[in-house]
């Protein structure tokens, strides 16, 4: 489990900069999350796998939500 101070660091990093594209911001946030996980060598590997799975799940959910939105807005109903 990541300590509270680490989560506060994560949330302080997750701020969207106007000059930054969404893709770059996402990469920066993911990179920071991986570095937070790597701070704890004991649980490093398992936490990294957990984190990768969570990131994949959120990506998958966003893709599904976007696809549903496209279908609901479709002219071909």
C-alpha atoms as a PDB file:
ATOM      1  CA  UNK A   1       0.000   0.000   0.000  1.00  0.00           C
ATOM      2  CA  UNK A   2       1.277   3.466  -0.847  1.00  0.00           C
ATOM      3  CA  UNK A   3       1.541   5.843   2.120  1.00  0.00           C
ATOM      4  CA  UNK A   4      -0.654   8.922   2.425  1.00  0.00           C
ATOM      5  CA  UNK A   5       2.207  11.315   1.702  1.00  0.00           C
ATOM      6  CA  UNK A   6       2.933   9.462  -1.531  1.00  0.00           C
ATOM      7  CA  UNK A   7      -0.724   9.832  -2.588  1.00  0.00           C
ATOM      8  CA  UNK A   8      -0.571  13.545  -1.792  1.00  0.00           C
ATOM      9  CA  UNK A   9       2.456  13.764  -4.086  1.00  0.00           C
ATOM     10  CA  UNK A  10       0.514  11.945  -6.786  1.00  0.00           C
ATOM     11  CA  UNK A  11      -2.484  14.266  -6.506  1.00  0.00           C
ATOM     12  CA  UNK A  12      -0.258  17.343  -6.576  1.00  0.00           C
ATOM     13  CA  UNK A  13       1.287  16.040  -9.818  1.00  0.00           C
ATOM     14  CA  UNK A  14      -2.116  15.410 -11.433  1.00  0.00           C
ATOM     15  CA  UNK A  15      -2.732  18.994 -12.451  1.00  0.00           C
ATOM     16  CA  UNK A  16      -3.377  19.751 -16.080  1.00  0.00           C
ATOM     17  CA  UNK A  17      -1.111  22.390 -17.581  1.00  0.00           C
ATOM     18  CA  UNK A  18      -2.646  24.534 -20.331  1.00  0.00           C
ATOM     19  CA  UNK A  19       0.398  24.259 -22.573  1.00  0.00           C
ATOM     20  CA  UNK A  20       0.428  20.470 -22.283  1.00  0.00           C
ATOM     21  CA  UNK A  21      -1.429  18.056 -24.522  1.00  0.00           C
ATOM     22  CA  UNK A  22      -3.635  15.432 -22.873  1.00  0.00           C
ATOM     23  CA  UNK A  23      -1.360  12.646 -24.110  1.00  0.00           C
ATOM     24  CA  UNK A  24       1.752  14.271 -22.620  1.00  0.00           C
ATOM     25  CA  UNK A  25      -0.047  14.945 -19.333  1.00  0.00           C
ATOM     26  CA  UNK A  26      -1.170  11.312 -19.160  1.00  0.00           C
ATOM     27  CA  UNK A  27       2.373  10.070 -19.830  1.00  0.00           C
ATOM     28  CA  UNK A  28       3.763  12.399 -17.154  1.00  0.00           C
ATOM     29  CA  UNK A  29       1.195  11.212 -14.596  1.00  0.00           C
ATOM     30  CA  UNK A  30       1.784   7.527 -15.415  1.00  0.00           C
ATOM     31  CA  UNK A  31       5.548   8.039 -15.163  1.00  0.00           C
ATOM     32  CA  UNK A  32       5.129   9.677 -11.770  1.00  0.00           C
ATOM     33  CA  UNK A  33       2.892   6.854 -10.557  1.00  0.00           C
ATOM     34  CA  UNK A  34       5.492   4.284 -11.609  1.00  0.00           C
ATOM     35  CA  UNK A  35       8.239   6.223  -9.817  1.00  0.00           C
ATOM     36  CA  UNK A  36       6.129   6.363  -6.628  1.00  0.00           C
ATOM     37  CA  UNK A  37       5.667   2.596  -6.767  1.00  0.00           C
ATOM     38  CA  UNK A  38       9.388   2.056  -7.363  1.00  0.00           C
ATOM     39  CA  UNK A  39      10.198   3.849  -4.077  1.00  0.00           C
ATOM     40  CA  UNK A  40       9.362   0.670  -2.167  1.00  0.00           C
ATOM     41  CA  UNK A  41      11.725  -2.094  -3.294  1.00  0.00           C
ATOM     42  CA  UNK A  42      10.027  -4.870  -1.277  1.00  0.00           C
ATOM     43  CA  UNK A  43       6.672  -4.635  -3.016  1.00  0.00           C
ATOM     44  CA  UNK A  44       7.969  -2.975  -6.163  1.00  0.00           C
ATOM     45  CA  UNK A  45       7.131  -5.695  -8.667  1.00  0.00           C
ATOM     46  CA  UNK A  46       3.635  -6.516  -7.389  1.00  0.00           C
ATOM     47  CA  UNK A  47       2.661  -2.862  -6.996  1.00  0.00           C
ATOM     48  CA  UNK A  48       3.900  -2.071 -10.494  1.00  0.00           C
ATOM     49  CA  UNK A  49       1.795  -4.903 -11.940  1.00  0.00           C
ATOM     50  CA  UNK A  50      -1.240  -3.730  -9.925  1.00  0.00           C
ATOM     51  CA  UNK A  51      -0.727  -0.186 -11.150  1.00  0.00           C
ATOM     52  CA  UNK A  52      -0.381  -1.285 -14.776  1.00  0.00           C
ATOM     53  CA  UNK A  53      -3.612  -3.281 -14.463  1.00  0.00           C
ATOM     54  CA  UNK A  54      -5.456  -0.305 -12.965  1.00  0.00           C
ATOM     55  CA  UNK A  55      -4.219   1.957 -15.755  1.00  0.00           C
ATOM     56  CA  UNK A  56      -5.321  -0.596 -18.376  1.00  0.00           C
ATOM     57  CA  UNK A  57      -8.756  -0.896 -16.727  1.00  0.00           C
ATOM     58  CA  UNK A  58      -9.307   2.858 -16.703  1.00  0.00           C
ATOM     59  CA  UNK A  59      -8.176   3.124 -20.334  1.00  0.00           C
ATOM     60  CA  UNK A  60     -10.563   0.305 -21.249  1.00  0.00           C
ATOM     61  CA  UNK A  61     -13.455   1.964 -19.365  1.00  0.00           C
ATOM     62  CA  UNK A  62     -12.795   5.284 -21.100  1.00  0.00           C
ATOM     63  CA  UNK A  63     -12.687   3.612 -24.511  1.00  0.00           C
ATOM     64  CA  UNK A  64     -15.970   1.799 -23.818  1.00  0.00           C
ATOM     65  CA  UNK A  65     -17.602   5.011 -22.605  1.00  0.00           C
ATOM     66  CA  UNK A  66     -16.406   6.842 -25.734  1.00  0.00           C
ATOM     67  CA  UNK A  67     -17.677   4.045 -28.001  1.00  0.00           C
ATOM     68  CA  UNK A  68     -21.069   4.096 -26.273  1.00  0.00           C
ATOM     69  CA  UNK A  69     -21.217   7.862 -26.700  1.00  0.00           C
ATOM     70  CA  UNK A  70     -20.446   7.518 -30.414  1.00  0.00           C
ATOM     71  CA  UNK A  71     -23.117   4.850 -30.811  1.00  0.00           C
ATOM     72  CA  UNK A  72     -25.721   6.905 -28.932  1.00  0.00           C
ATOM     73  CA  UNK A  73     -24.924   9.986 -31.060  1.00  0.00           C
ATOM     74  CA  UNK A  74     -24.886   8.005 -34.275  1.00  0.00           C
ATOM     75  CA  UNK A  75     -27.107   8.970 -37.192  1.00  0.00           C
ATOM     76  CA  UNK A  76     -27.484   5.319 -38.137  1.00  0.00           C
ATOM     77  CA  UNK A  77     -29.858   4.324 -35.342  1.00  0.00           C
END
